[in-house]
Amino acid sequence: MDRTRCTGIGVCESVAPDVFEVDDDGTLVLSSELVEHDLDTVAEAVRSCPALALTLVDADGNLAEDAAGR
């Protein structure tokens, strides 16, 4: 997450509310745990971010292909 780009609109939260939460002050908070079955939803949230503030990477730090197609 690029906090300098995040505008706190909450599109990610609306797509994946179990993973993303925008606090009252507009700060994005990520769930500490991401389970495998959430990956498709998280990838959709990443693609939906209008500020391009989110990036999905695998365990090795490589860009996840399913989230790259913006």
Foldseek 3Di string as FASTA:
>chain_A
DAQVQQPLPCLLCVQPVVAWDQDPVSDIDGDPDDDPVCVLSNLVSCLPRPSNRDFDADPVRHGDPSNPPD
